[in-house]
């Protein structure tokens, strides 16, 4: 389980626009913003968060858990609409692993995955 992530980005405004649109599809939301960073709560647990701060990006891959396949589809759609690039369209990868893959505006490889097979 992930407690938190600290990720360097080049442009906070671009990052805010992208992740606010994308994470809302999975129940995440912006909880704090300053001139050096953004904090997103990633679920119901207030201790689970992602901190985006100004800095030089570095290679990274992370997956967000979705409750349904439809959430994965919406995540993918919103990501493309907000500056993300396709890195694997939504689909069943193996039994109970429905996922979509995106490259975010800073080049990070992100994924939304549903392990339940729920529509």
PDB file of N, CA and C in Angstrom:
ATOM      1  N   UNK A   1       0.856  -1.183   0.000  1.00  0.00           N
ATOM      2  CA  UNK A   1       0.000   0.000   0.000  1.00  0.00           C
ATOM      3  C   UNK A   1       0.899   1.242   0.000  1.00  0.00           C
ATOM      4  N   UNK A   2       0.476   2.240  -0.726  1.00  0.00           N
ATOM      5  CA  UNK A   2       1.237   3.479  -0.784  1.00  0.00           C
ATOM      6  C   UNK A   2       0.713   4.436   0.281  1.00  0.00           C
ATOM      7  N   UNK A   3       1.621   4.989   1.075  1.00  0.00           N
ATOM      8  CA  UNK A   3       1.241   5.993   2.057  1.00  0.00           C
ATOM      9  C   UNK A   3       1.219   7.364   1.407  1.00  0.00           C
ATOM     10  N   UNK A   4       2.321   7.713   0.744  1.00  0.00           N
ATOM     11  CA  UNK A   4       2.363   8.977   0.025  1.00  0.00           C
ATOM     12  C   UNK A   4       3.443   8.925  -1.043  1.00  0.00           C
ATOM     13  N   UNK A   5       3.339   9.829  -1.988  1.00  0.00           N
ATOM     14  CA  UNK A   5       4.328   9.985  -3.049  1.00  0.00           C
ATOM     15  C   UNK A   5       4.776  11.437  -3.076  1.00  0.00           C
ATOM     16  N   UNK A   6       6.052  11.651  -3.335  1.00  0.00           N
ATOM     17  CA  UNK A   6       6.620  12.993  -3.501  1.00  0.00           C
ATOM     18  C   UNK A   6       7.194  13.032  -4.911  1.00  0.00           C
ATOM     19  N   UNK A   7       6.620  13.892  -5.757  1.00  0.00           N
ATOM     20  CA  UNK A   7       6.955  13.882  -7.174  1.00  0.00           C
ATOM     21  C   UNK A   7       7.360  15.279  -7.619  1.00  0.00           C
ATOM     22  N   UNK A   8       8.479  15.368  -8.308  1.00  0.00           N
ATOM     23  CA  UNK A   8       8.939  16.651  -8.839  1.00  0.00           C
ATOM     24  C   UNK A   8       8.304  16.926 -10.192  1.00  0.00           C
ATOM     25  N   UNK A   9       7.881  18.162 -10.392  1.00  0.00           N
ATOM     26  CA  UNK A   9       7.267  18.593 -11.653  1.00  0.00           C
ATOM     27  C   UNK A   9       7.862  19.928 -12.073  1.00  0.00           C
ATOM     28  N   UNK A  10       7.715  20.249 -13.347  1.00  0.00           N
ATOM     29  CA  UNK A  10       8.280  21.481 -13.881  1.00  0.00           C
ATOM     30  C   UNK A  10       7.327  22.671 -13.816  1.00  0.00           C
ATOM     31  N   UNK A  11       6.028  22.421 -13.848  1.00  0.00           N
ATOM     32  CA  UNK A  11       5.042  23.493 -13.965  1.00  0.00           C
ATOM     33  C   UNK A  11       3.839  23.165 -13.085  1.00  0.00           C
ATOM     34  N   UNK A  12       3.670  23.897 -11.984  1.00  0.00           N
ATOM     35  CA  UNK A  12       2.577  23.601 -11.057  1.00  0.00           C
ATOM     36  C   UNK A  12       1.202  23.835 -11.664  1.00  0.00           C
ATOM     37  N   UNK A  13       1.044  24.859 -12.462  1.00  0.00           N
ATOM     38  CA  UNK A  13      -0.260  25.132 -13.069  1.00  0.00           C
ATOM     39  C   UNK A  13      -0.662  23.994 -13.991  1.00  0.00           C
ATOM     40  N   UNK A  14       0.239  23.566 -14.843  1.00  0.00           N
ATOM     41  CA  UNK A  14      -0.036  22.438 -15.752  1.00  0.00           C
ATOM     42  C   UNK A  14      -0.333  21.175 -14.953  1.00  0.00           C
ATOM     43  N   UNK A  15       0.453  20.938 -13.907  1.00  0.00           N
ATOM     44  CA  UNK A  15       0.254  19.760 -13.058  1.00  0.00           C
ATOM     45  C   UNK A  15      -1.102  19.821 -12.369  1.00  0.00           C
ATOM     46  N   UNK A  16      -1.461  20.989 -11.846  1.00  0.00           N
ATOM     47  CA  UNK A  16      -2.761  21.150 -11.182  1.00  0.00           C
ATOM     48  C   UNK A  16      -3.903  20.890 -12.145  1.00  0.00           C
ATOM     49  N   UNK A  17      -3.859  21.458 -13.325  1.00  0.00           N
ATOM     50  CA  UNK A  17      -4.920  21.247 -14.314  1.00  0.00           C
ATOM     51  C   UNK A  17      -5.061  19.771 -14.653  1.00  0.00           C
ATOM     52  N   UNK A  18      -3.944  19.100 -14.894  1.00  0.00           N
ATOM     53  CA  UNK A  18      -3.963  17.693 -15.286  1.00  0.00           C
ATOM     54  C   UNK A  18      -4.472  16.804 -14.153  1.00  0.00           C
ATOM     55  N   UNK A  19      -3.845  16.884 -12.975  1.00  0.00           N
ATOM     56  CA  UNK A  19      -4.192  15.953 -11.898  1.00  0.00           C
ATOM     57  C   UNK A  19      -5.522  16.263 -11.228  1.00  0.00           C
ATOM     58  N   UNK A  20      -5.967  17.507 -11.220  1.00  0.00           N
ATOM     59  CA  UNK A  20      -7.295  17.800 -10.688  1.00  0.00           C
ATOM     60  C   UNK A  20      -8.356  17.120 -11.542  1.00  0.00           C
ATOM     61  N   UNK A  21      -8.208  17.183 -12.863  1.00  0.00           N
ATOM     62  CA  UNK A  21      -9.166  16.539 -13.772  1.00  0.00           C
ATOM     63  C   UNK A  21      -9.085  15.021 -13.713  1.00  0.00           C
ATOM     64  N   UNK A  22      -7.890  14.488 -13.645  1.00  0.00           N
ATOM     65  CA  UNK A  22      -7.692  13.033 -13.699  1.00  0.00           C
ATOM     66  C   UNK A  22      -8.054  12.354 -12.378  1.00  0.00           C
ATOM     67  N   UNK A  23      -7.588  12.890 -11.253  1.00  0.00           N
ATOM     68  CA  UNK A  23      -7.794  12.211  -9.969  1.00  0.00           C
ATOM     69  C   UNK A  23      -9.228  12.265  -9.479  1.00  0.00           C
ATOM     70  N   UNK A  24     -10.000  13.256  -9.902  1.00  0.00           N
ATOM     71  CA  UNK A  24     -11.404  13.324  -9.499  1.00  0.00           C
ATOM     72  C   UNK A  24     -12.160  12.083  -9.969  1.00  0.00           C
ATOM     73  N   UNK A  25     -11.727  11.492 -11.078  1.00  0.00           N
ATOM     74  CA  UNK A  25     -12.403  10.302 -11.606  1.00  0.00           C
ATOM     75  C   UNK A  25     -12.248   9.107 -10.680  1.00  0.00           C
ATOM     76  N   UNK A  26     -11.243   9.150  -9.781  1.00  0.00           N
ATOM     77  CA  UNK A  26     -10.977   8.039  -8.863  1.00  0.00           C
ATOM     78  C   UNK A  26     -11.218   8.416  -7.400  1.00  0.00           C
ATOM     79  N   UNK A  27     -11.808   9.583  -7.171  1.00  0.00           N
ATOM     80  CA  UNK A  27     -12.130  10.003  -5.812  1.00  0.00           C
ATOM     81  C   UNK A  27     -11.055  10.841  -5.142  1.00  0.00           C
ATOM     82  N   UNK A  28     -10.017  11.239  -5.854  1.00  0.00           N
ATOM     83  CA  UNK A  28      -8.973  12.087  -5.287  1.00  0.00           C
ATOM     84  C   UNK A  28      -9.315  13.549  -5.460  1.00  0.00           C
ATOM     85  N   UNK A  29      -8.705  14.384  -4.616  1.00  0.00           N
ATOM     86  CA  UNK A  29      -8.967  15.817  -4.745  1.00  0.00           C
ATOM     87  C   UNK A  29      -7.828  16.630  -4.135  1.00  0.00           C
ATOM     88  N   UNK A  30      -7.701  17.861  -4.618  1.00  0.00           N
ATOM     89  CA  UNK A  30      -6.690  18.795  -4.142  1.00  0.00           C
ATOM     90  C   UNK A  30      -7.040  19.234  -2.723  1.00  0.00           C
ATOM     91  N   UNK A  31      -6.083  19.082  -1.783  1.00  0.00           N
ATOM     92  CA  UNK A  31      -6.353  19.487  -0.393  1.00  0.00           C
ATOM     93  C   UNK A  31      -5.453  20.621   0.075  1.00  0.00           C
ATOM     94  N   UNK A  32      -4.362  20.908  -0.647  1.00  0.00           N
ATOM     95  CA  UNK A  32      -3.489  22.004  -0.260  1.00  0.00           C
ATOM     96  C   UNK A  32      -2.703  22.480  -1.475  1.00  0.00           C
ATOM     97  N   UNK A  33      -2.450  23.777  -1.519  1.00  0.00           N
ATOM     98  CA  UNK A  33      -1.727  24.365  -2.635  1.00  0.00           C
ATOM     99  C   UNK A  33      -0.878  25.517  -2.115  1.00  0.00           C
ATOM    100  N   UNK A  34       0.370  25.585  -2.579  1.00  0.00           N
ATOM    101  CA  UNK A  34       1.247  26.704  -2.249  1.00  0.00           C
ATOM    102  C   UNK A  34       2.049  27.055  -3.495  1.00  0.00           C
ATOM    103  N   UNK A  35       2.934  28.026  -3.380  1.00  0.00           N
ATOM    104  CA  UNK A  35       3.731  28.400  -4.541  1.00  0.00           C
ATOM    105  C   UNK A  35       4.842  27.397  -4.844  1.00  0.00           C
ATOM    106  N   UNK A  36       5.047  26.414  -3.970  1.00  0.00           N
ATOM    107  CA  UNK A  36       6.072  25.392  -4.227  1.00  0.00           C
ATOM    108  C   UNK A  36       5.507  23.993  -4.431  1.00  0.00           C
ATOM    109  N   UNK A  37       4.195  23.801  -4.174  1.00  0.00           N
ATOM    110  CA  UNK A  37       3.676  22.455  -4.332  1.00  0.00           C
ATOM    111  C   UNK A  37       2.168  22.332  -4.214  1.00  0.00           C
ATOM    112  N   UNK A  38       1.708  21.116  -4.532  1.00  0.00           N
ATOM    113  CA  UNK A  38       0.294  20.749  -4.494  1.00  0.00           C
ATOM    114  C   UNK A  38       0.161  19.432  -3.736  1.00  0.00           C
ATOM    115  N   UNK A  39      -0.876  19.307  -2.921  1.00  0.00           N
ATOM    116  CA  UNK A  39      -1.123  18.052  -2.214  1.00  0.00           C
ATOM    117  C   UNK A  39      -2.512  17.550  -2.586  1.00  0.00           C
ATOM    118  N   UNK A  40      -2.570  16.292  -3.022  1.00  0.00           N
ATOM    119  CA  UNK A  40      -3.832  15.642  -3.371  1.00  0.00           C
ATOM    120  C   UNK A  40      -4.078  14.485  -2.425  1.00  0.00           C
ATOM    121  N   UNK A  41      -5.264  14.442  -1.834  1.00  0.00           N
ATOM    122  CA  UNK A  41      -5.680  13.274  -1.071  1.00  0.00           C
ATOM    123  C   UNK A  41      -6.114  12.227  -2.084  1.00  0.00           C
ATOM    124  N   UNK A  42      -5.700  10.989  -1.867  1.00  0.00           N
ATOM    125  CA  UNK A  42      -5.923   9.961  -2.879  1.00  0.00           C
ATOM    126  C   UNK A  42      -7.012   8.959  -2.523  1.00  0.00           C
ATOM    127  N   UNK A  43      -7.711   9.184  -1.457  1.00  0.00           N
ATOM    128  CA  UNK A  43      -8.790   8.284  -1.071  1.00  0.00           C
ATOM    129  C   UNK A  43      -9.422   8.793   0.205  1.00  0.00           C
ATOM    130  N   UNK A  44     -10.120   7.917   0.901  1.00  0.00           N
ATOM    131  CA  UNK A  44     -10.793   8.321   2.134  1.00  0.00           C
ATOM    132  C   UNK A  44      -9.822   8.514   3.287  1.00  0.00           C
ATOM    133  N   UNK A  45      -8.685   7.826   3.266  1.00  0.00           N
ATOM    134  CA  UNK A  45      -7.682   7.941   4.314  1.00  0.00           C
ATOM    135  C   UNK A  45      -6.931   9.256   4.153  1.00  0.00           C
ATOM    136  N   UNK A  46      -7.022  10.181   5.123  1.00  0.00           N
ATOM    137  CA  UNK A  46      -6.345  11.464   4.986  1.00  0.00           C
ATOM    138  C   UNK A  46      -4.817  11.346   4.976  1.00  0.00           C
ATOM    139  N   UNK A  47      -4.291  10.188   5.352  1.00  0.00           N
ATOM    140  CA  UNK A  47      -2.848   9.986   5.342  1.00  0.00           C
ATOM    141  C   UNK A  47      -2.328   9.529   3.981  1.00  0.00           C
ATOM    142  N   UNK A  48      -3.212   9.208   3.058  1.00  0.00           N
ATOM    143  CA  UNK A  48      -2.798   8.824   1.713  1.00  0.00           C
ATOM    144  C   UNK A  48      -2.801  10.048   0.819  1.00  0.00           C
ATOM    145  N   UNK A  49      -1.619  10.455   0.362  1.00  0.00           N
ATOM    146  CA  UNK A  49      -1.573  11.668  -0.446  1.00  0.00           C
ATOM    147  C   UNK A  49      -0.429  11.629  -1.447  1.00  0.00           C
ATOM    148  N   UNK A  50      -0.533  12.530  -2.416  1.00  0.00           N
ATOM    149  CA  UNK A  50       0.534  12.756  -3.383  1.00  0.00           C
ATOM    150  C   UNK A  50       0.930  14.223  -3.267  1.00  0.00           C
ATOM    151  N   UNK A  51       2.213  14.473  -3.127  1.00  0.00           N
ATOM    152  CA  UNK A  51       2.756  15.831  -3.047  1.00  0.00           C
ATOM    153  C   UNK A  51       3.529  16.092  -4.324  1.00  0.00           C
ATOM    154  N   UNK A  52       3.103  17.064  -5.100  1.00  0.00           N
ATOM    155  CA  UNK A  52       3.812  17.487  -6.308  1.00  0.00           C
ATOM    156  C   UNK A  52       4.567  18.763  -5.961  1.00  0.00           C
ATOM    157  N   UNK A  53       5.888  18.763  -6.161  1.00  0.00           N
ATOM    158  CA  UNK A  53       6.667  19.956  -5.868  1.00  0.00           C
ATOM    159  C   UNK A  53       7.538  20.326  -7.056  1.00  0.00           C
ATOM    160  N   UNK A  54       7.887  21.606  -7.130  1.00  0.00           N
ATOM    161  CA  UNK A  54       8.750  22.085  -8.210  1.00  0.00           C
ATOM    162  C   UNK A  54      10.114  21.409  -8.085  1.00  0.00           C
ATOM    163  N   UNK A  55      10.590  20.880  -9.191  1.00  0.00           N
ATOM    164  CA  UNK A  55      11.904  20.244  -9.216  1.00  0.00           C
ATOM    165  C   UNK A  55      12.117  19.540 -10.540  1.00  0.00           C
ATOM    166  N   UNK A  56      13.280  18.949 -10.701  1.00  0.00           N
ATOM    167  CA  UNK A  56      13.600  18.233 -11.923  1.00  0.00           C
ATOM    168  C   UNK A  56      12.927  16.857 -11.900  1.00  0.00           C
ATOM    169  N   UNK A  57      12.036  16.577 -12.887  1.00  0.00           N
ATOM    170  CA  UNK A  57      11.385  15.269 -12.930  1.00  0.00           C
ATOM    171  C   UNK A  57      12.400  14.129 -13.108  1.00  0.00           C
ATOM    172  N   UNK A  58      12.035  12.962 -12.614  1.00  0.00           N
ATOM    173  CA  UNK A  58      12.865  11.771 -12.730  1.00  0.00           C
ATOM    174  C   UNK A  58      11.955  10.591 -13.060  1.00  0.00           C
ATOM    175  N   UNK A  59      12.509   9.514 -13.650  1.00  0.00           N
ATOM    176  CA  UNK A  59      11.664   8.384 -14.063  1.00  0.00           C
ATOM    177  C   UNK A  59      10.871   7.798 -12.895  1.00  0.00           C
ATOM    178  N   UNK A  60       9.613   7.482 -13.170  1.00  0.00           N
ATOM    179  CA  UNK A  60       8.729   7.002 -12.113  1.00  0.00           C
ATOM    180  C   UNK A  60       7.497   6.376 -12.756  1.00  0.00           C
ATOM    181  N   UNK A  61       6.928   5.357 -12.149  1.00  0.00           N
ATOM    182  CA  UNK A  61       5.659   4.785 -12.579  1.00  0.00           C
ATOM    183  C   UNK A  61       4.823   4.583 -11.333  1.00  0.00           C
ATOM    184  N   UNK A  62       3.562   4.985 -11.398  1.00  0.00           N
ATOM    185  CA  UNK A  62       2.673   4.690 -10.290  1.00  0.00           C
ATOM    186  C   UNK A  62       1.280   4.403 -10.808  1.00  0.00           C
ATOM    187  N   UNK A  63       0.556   3.579 -10.043  1.00  0.00           N
ATOM    188  CA  UNK A  63      -0.791   3.175 -10.426  1.00  0.00           C
ATOM    189  C   UNK A  63      -1.789   3.662  -9.378  1.00  0.00           C
ATOM    190  N   UNK A  64      -2.921   4.133  -9.870  1.00  0.00           N
ATOM    191  CA  UNK A  64      -4.029   4.526  -9.019  1.00  0.00           C
ATOM    192  C   UNK A  64      -5.059   3.408  -9.058  1.00  0.00           C
ATOM    193  N   UNK A  65      -5.606   3.044  -7.917  1.00  0.00           N
ATOM    194  CA  UNK A  65      -6.610   1.983  -7.854  1.00  0.00           C
ATOM    195  C   UNK A  65      -7.982   2.550  -8.178  1.00  0.00           C
ATOM    196  N   UNK A  66      -8.678   1.904  -9.097  1.00  0.00           N
ATOM    197  CA  UNK A  66     -10.052   2.267  -9.462  1.00  0.00           C
ATOM    198  C   UNK A  66     -10.995   1.190  -8.927  1.00  0.00           C
ATOM    199  N   UNK A  67     -12.218   1.575  -8.641  1.00  0.00           N
ATOM    200  CA  UNK A  67     -13.212   0.621  -8.143  1.00  0.00           C
ATOM    201  C   UNK A  67     -13.941  -0.104  -9.268  1.00  0.00           C
ATOM    202  N   UNK A  68     -14.011   0.525 -10.451  1.00  0.00           N
ATOM    203  CA  UNK A  68     -14.726  -0.075 -11.574  1.00  0.00           C
ATOM    204  C   UNK A  68     -13.957   0.146 -12.873  1.00  0.00           C
ATOM    205  N   UNK A  69     -14.273  -0.664 -13.856  1.00  0.00           N
ATOM    206  CA  UNK A  69     -13.683  -0.474 -15.181  1.00  0.00           C
ATOM    207  C   UNK A  69     -14.074   0.887 -15.761  1.00  0.00           C
ATOM    208  N   UNK A  70     -15.283   1.335 -15.471  1.00  0.00           N
ATOM    209  CA  UNK A  70     -15.745   2.634 -15.963  1.00  0.00           C
ATOM    210  C   UNK A  70     -14.890   3.775 -15.421  1.00  0.00           C
ATOM    211  N   UNK A  71     -14.438   3.657 -14.186  1.00  0.00           N
ATOM    212  CA  UNK A  71     -13.545   4.670 -13.633  1.00  0.00           C
ATOM    213  C   UNK A  71     -12.213   4.688 -14.386  1.00  0.00           C
ATOM    214  N   UNK A  72     -11.714   3.528 -14.756  1.00  0.00           N
ATOM    215  CA  UNK A  72     -10.481   3.453 -15.548  1.00  0.00           C
ATOM    216  C   UNK A  72     -10.697   4.163 -16.886  1.00  0.00           C
ATOM    217  N   UNK A  73     -11.820   3.896 -17.527  1.00  0.00           N
ATOM    218  CA  UNK A  73     -12.134   4.531 -18.809  1.00  0.00           C
ATOM    219  C   UNK A  73     -12.194   6.053 -18.672  1.00  0.00           C
ATOM    220  N   UNK A  74     -12.842   6.537 -17.618  1.00  0.00           N
ATOM    221  CA  UNK A  74     -12.975   7.977 -17.400  1.00  0.00           C
ATOM    222  C   UNK A  74     -11.612   8.608 -17.096  1.00  0.00           C
ATOM    223  N   UNK A  75     -10.803   7.938 -16.302  1.00  0.00           N
ATOM    224  CA  UNK A  75      -9.434   8.394 -16.006  1.00  0.00           C
ATOM    225  C   UNK A  75      -8.655   8.588 -17.303  1.00  0.00           C
ATOM    226  N   UNK A  76      -8.716   7.605 -18.178  1.00  0.00           N
ATOM    227  CA  UNK A  76      -8.004   7.647 -19.457  1.00  0.00           C
ATOM    228  C   UNK A  76      -8.499   8.820 -20.313  1.00  0.00           C
ATOM    229  N   UNK A  77      -9.814   8.961 -20.407  1.00  0.00           N
ATOM    230  CA  UNK A  77     -10.418  10.030 -21.201  1.00  0.00           C
ATOM    231  C   UNK A  77      -9.981  11.402 -20.684  1.00  0.00           C
ATOM    232  N   UNK A  78     -10.093  11.619 -19.371  1.00  0.00           N
ATOM    233  CA  UNK A  78      -9.730  12.911 -18.776  1.00  0.00           C
ATOM    234  C   UNK A  78      -8.233  13.179 -18.922  1.00  0.00           C
ATOM    235  N   UNK A  79      -7.422  12.147 -18.813  1.00  0.00           N
ATOM    236  CA  UNK A  79      -5.980  12.317 -18.961  1.00  0.00           C
ATOM    237  C   UNK A  79      -5.638  12.820 -20.358  1.00  0.00           C
ATOM    238  N   UNK A  80      -6.239  12.220 -21.373  1.00  0.00           N
ATOM    239  CA  UNK A  80      -5.983  12.644 -22.750  1.00  0.00           C
ATOM    240  C   UNK A  80      -6.488  14.063 -22.996  1.00  0.00           C
ATOM    241  N   UNK A  81      -7.622  14.411 -22.402  1.00  0.00           N
ATOM    242  CA  UNK A  81      -8.196  15.746 -22.571  1.00  0.00           C
ATOM    243  C   UNK A  81      -7.375  16.838 -21.875  1.00  0.00           C
ATOM    244  N   UNK A  82      -6.519  16.426 -20.945  1.00  0.00           N
ATOM    245  CA  UNK A  82      -5.793  17.396 -20.139  1.00  0.00           C
ATOM    246  C   UNK A  82      -4.276  17.304 -20.281  1.00  0.00           C
ATOM    247  N   UNK A  83      -3.820  16.902 -21.457  1.00  0.00           N
ATOM    248  CA  UNK A  83      -2.391  16.943 -21.742  1.00  0.00           C
ATOM    249  C   UNK A  83      -1.638  15.646 -21.590  1.00  0.00           C
ATOM    250  N   UNK A  84      -2.315  14.579 -21.212  1.00  0.00           N
ATOM    251  CA  UNK A  84      -1.661  13.278 -21.123  1.00  0.00           C
ATOM    252  C   UNK A  84      -1.535  12.643 -22.497  1.00  0.00           C
ATOM    253  N   UNK A  85      -0.591  11.704 -22.614  1.00  0.00           N
ATOM    254  CA  UNK A  85      -0.405  10.972 -23.868  1.00  0.00           C
ATOM    255  C   UNK A  85      -0.699   9.490 -23.639  1.00  0.00           C
ATOM    256  N   UNK A  86      -1.307   8.884 -24.618  1.00  0.00           N
ATOM    257  CA  UNK A  86      -1.637   7.471 -24.555  1.00  0.00           C
ATOM    258  C   UNK A  86      -0.383   6.625 -24.394  1.00  0.00           C
ATOM    259  N   UNK A  87      -0.451   5.666 -23.461  1.00  0.00           N
ATOM    260  CA  UNK A  87       0.622   4.686 -23.287  1.00  0.00           C
ATOM    261  C   UNK A  87       0.009   3.296 -23.134  1.00  0.00           C
ATOM    262  N   UNK A  88      -1.259   3.165 -23.525  1.00  0.00           N
ATOM    263  CA  UNK A  88      -1.977   1.896 -23.435  1.00  0.00           C
ATOM    264  C   UNK A  88      -3.436   2.144 -23.110  1.00  0.00           C
ATOM    265  N   UNK A  89      -4.302   1.990 -24.103  1.00  0.00           N
ATOM    266  CA  UNK A  89      -5.732   2.257 -23.939  1.00  0.00           C
ATOM    267  C   UNK A  89      -6.352   1.324 -22.903  1.00  0.00           C
ATOM    268  N   UNK A  90      -7.501   1.725 -22.327  1.00  0.00           N
ATOM    269  CA  UNK A  90      -8.169   0.875 -21.344  1.00  0.00           C
ATOM    270  C   UNK A  90      -8.481  -0.500 -21.925  1.00  0.00           C
ATOM    271  N   UNK A  91      -8.274  -1.507 -21.105  1.00  0.00           N
ATOM    272  CA  UNK A  91      -8.584  -2.857 -21.531  1.00  0.00           C
ATOM    273  C   UNK A  91      -8.158  -3.881 -20.496  1.00  0.00           C
ATOM    274  N   UNK A  92      -8.626  -5.094 -20.700  1.00  0.00           N
ATOM    275  CA  UNK A  92      -8.298  -6.211 -19.818  1.00  0.00           C
ATOM    276  C   UNK A  92      -6.904  -6.718 -20.165  1.00  0.00           C
ATOM    277  N   UNK A  93      -5.996  -6.671 -19.212  1.00  0.00           N
ATOM    278  CA  UNK A  93      -4.620  -7.114 -19.435  1.00  0.00           C
ATOM    279  C   UNK A  93      -4.445  -8.581 -19.070  1.00  0.00           C
ATOM    280  N   UNK A  94      -5.137  -8.999 -18.050  1.00  0.00           N
ATOM    281  CA  UNK A  94      -5.178 -10.388 -17.602  1.00  0.00           C
ATOM    282  C   UNK A  94      -6.409 -10.517 -16.723  1.00  0.00           C
ATOM    283  N   UNK A  95      -6.726 -11.697 -16.256  1.00  0.00           N
ATOM    284  CA  UNK A  95      -7.909 -11.863 -15.407  1.00  0.00           C
ATOM    285  C   UNK A  95      -7.907 -10.839 -14.284  1.00  0.00           C
ATOM    286  N   UNK A  96      -9.002 -10.110 -14.157  1.00  0.00           N
ATOM    287  CA  UNK A  96      -9.184  -9.126 -13.095  1.00  0.00           C
ATOM    288  C   UNK A  96      -8.098  -8.060 -13.051  1.00  0.00           C
ATOM    289  N   UNK A  97      -7.591  -7.657 -14.217  1.00  0.00           N
ATOM    290  CA  UNK A  97      -6.625  -6.549 -14.288  1.00  0.00           C
ATOM    291  C   UNK A  97      -6.989  -5.691 -15.484  1.00  0.00           C
ATOM    292  N   UNK A  98      -7.944  -4.782 -15.253  1.00  0.00           N
ATOM    293  CA  UNK A  98      -8.406  -3.861 -16.282  1.00  0.00           C
ATOM    294  C   UNK A  98      -7.673  -2.551 -16.040  1.00  0.00           C
ATOM    295  N   UNK A  99      -6.901  -2.087 -17.019  1.00  0.00           N
ATOM    296  CA  UNK A  99      -6.046  -0.924 -16.780  1.00  0.00           C
ATOM    297  C   UNK A  99      -5.933  -0.047 -18.016  1.00  0.00           C
ATOM    298  N   UNK A 100      -5.518   1.195 -17.758  1.00  0.00           N
ATOM    299  CA  UNK A 100      -5.183   2.158 -18.811  1.00  0.00           C
ATOM    300  C   UNK A 100      -3.877   2.826 -18.411  1.00  0.00           C
ATOM    301  N   UNK A 101      -3.068   3.146 -19.410  1.00  0.00           N
ATOM    302  CA  UNK A 101      -1.741   3.704 -19.165  1.00  0.00           C
ATOM    303  C   UNK A 101      -1.592   5.041 -19.889  1.00  0.00           C
ATOM    304  N   UNK A 102      -1.014   6.021 -19.181  1.00  0.00           N
ATOM    305  CA  UNK A 102      -0.857   7.388 -19.672  1.00  0.00           C
ATOM    306  C   UNK A 102       0.564   7.856 -19.366  1.00  0.00           C
ATOM    307  N   UNK A 103       1.054   8.765 -20.206  1.00  0.00           N
ATOM    308  CA  UNK A 103       2.261   9.512 -19.873  1.00  0.00           C
ATOM    309  C   UNK A 103       1.793  10.924 -19.550  1.00  0.00           C
ATOM    310  N   UNK A 104       2.066  11.374 -18.317  1.00  0.00           N
ATOM    311  CA  UNK A 104       1.563  12.677 -17.896  1.00  0.00           C
ATOM    312  C   UNK A 104       2.400  13.803 -18.503  1.00  0.00           C
ATOM    313  N   UNK A 105       2.013  15.080 -18.302  1.00  0.00           N
ATOM    314  CA  UNK A 105       2.712  16.190 -18.948  1.00  0.00           C
ATOM    315  C   UNK A 105       4.204  16.300 -18.618  1.00  0.00           C
ATOM    316  N   UNK A 106       4.644  15.711 -17.501  1.00  0.00           N
ATOM    317  CA  UNK A 106       6.075  15.737 -17.168  1.00  0.00           C
ATOM    318  C   UNK A 106       6.800  14.469 -17.584  1.00  0.00           C
ATOM    319  N   UNK A 107       6.095  13.549 -18.244  1.00  0.00           N
ATOM    320  CA  UNK A 107       6.735  12.337 -18.722  1.00  0.00           C
ATOM    321  C   UNK A 107       6.632  11.148 -17.787  1.00  0.00           C
ATOM    322  N   UNK A 108       5.910  11.295 -16.665  1.00  0.00           N
ATOM    323  CA  UNK A 108       5.732  10.168 -15.758  1.00  0.00           C
ATOM    324  C   UNK A 108       4.744   9.169 -16.345  1.00  0.00           C
ATOM    325  N   UNK A 109       5.018   7.895 -16.119  1.00  0.00           N
ATOM    326  CA  UNK A 109       4.129   6.835 -16.575  1.00  0.00           C
ATOM    327  C   UNK A 109       3.143   6.532 -15.456  1.00  0.00           C
ATOM    328  N   UNK A 110       1.860   6.794 -15.717  1.00  0.00           N
ATOM    329  CA  UNK A 110       0.829   6.562 -14.715  1.00  0.00           C
ATOM    330  C   UNK A 110      -0.187   5.559 -15.245  1.00  0.00           C
ATOM    331  N   UNK A 111      -0.913   4.988 -14.333  1.00  0.00           N
ATOM    332  CA  UNK A 111      -1.862   3.919 -14.670  1.00  0.00           C
ATOM    333  C   UNK A 111      -3.064   4.018 -13.747  1.00  0.00           C
ATOM    334  N   UNK A 112      -4.232   3.661 -14.255  1.00  0.00           N
ATOM    335  CA  UNK A 112      -5.408   3.408 -13.421  1.00  0.00           C
ATOM    336  C   UNK A 112      -5.742   1.943 -13.627  1.00  0.00           C
ATOM    337  N   UNK A 113      -6.007   1.239 -12.519  1.00  0.00           N
ATOM    338  CA  UNK A 113      -6.261  -0.205 -12.600  1.00  0.00           C
ATOM    339  C   UNK A 113      -7.433  -0.594 -11.699  1.00  0.00           C
ATOM    340  N   UNK A 114      -8.258  -1.475 -12.232  1.00  0.00           N
ATOM    341  CA  UNK A 114      -9.354  -2.070 -11.461  1.00  0.00           C
ATOM    342  C   UNK A 114      -9.095  -3.573 -11.387  1.00  0.00           C
ATOM    343  N   UNK A 115      -9.035  -4.091 -10.168  1.00  0.00           N
ATOM    344  CA  UNK A 115      -8.758  -5.512  -9.965  1.00  0.00           C
ATOM    345  C   UNK A 115     -10.016  -6.349  -9.789  1.00  0.00           C
ATOM    346  N   UNK A 116     -11.190  -5.702  -9.762  1.00  0.00           N
ATOM    347  CA  UNK A 116     -12.411  -6.440  -9.457  1.00  0.00           C
ATOM    348  C   UNK A 116     -13.186  -6.909 -10.670  1.00  0.00           C
ATOM    349  N   UNK A 117     -12.940  -6.299 -11.816  1.00  0.00           N
ATOM    350  CA  UNK A 117     -13.687  -6.646 -13.013  1.00  0.00           C
ATOM    351  C   UNK A 117     -15.071  -6.040 -13.039  1.00  0.00           C
ATOM    352  N   UNK A 118     -15.375  -5.127 -12.114  1.00  0.00           N
ATOM    353  CA  UNK A 118     -16.695  -4.488 -12.071  1.00  0.00           C
ATOM    354  C   UNK A 118     -16.846  -3.480 -13.191  1.00  0.00           C
ATOM    355  N   UNK A 119     -18.015  -3.445 -13.774  1.00  0.00           N
ATOM    356  CA  UNK A 119     -18.336  -2.438 -14.787  1.00  0.00           C
ATOM    357  C   UNK A 119     -18.867  -1.249 -14.054  1.00  0.00           C
TER     358      UNK A 119
END
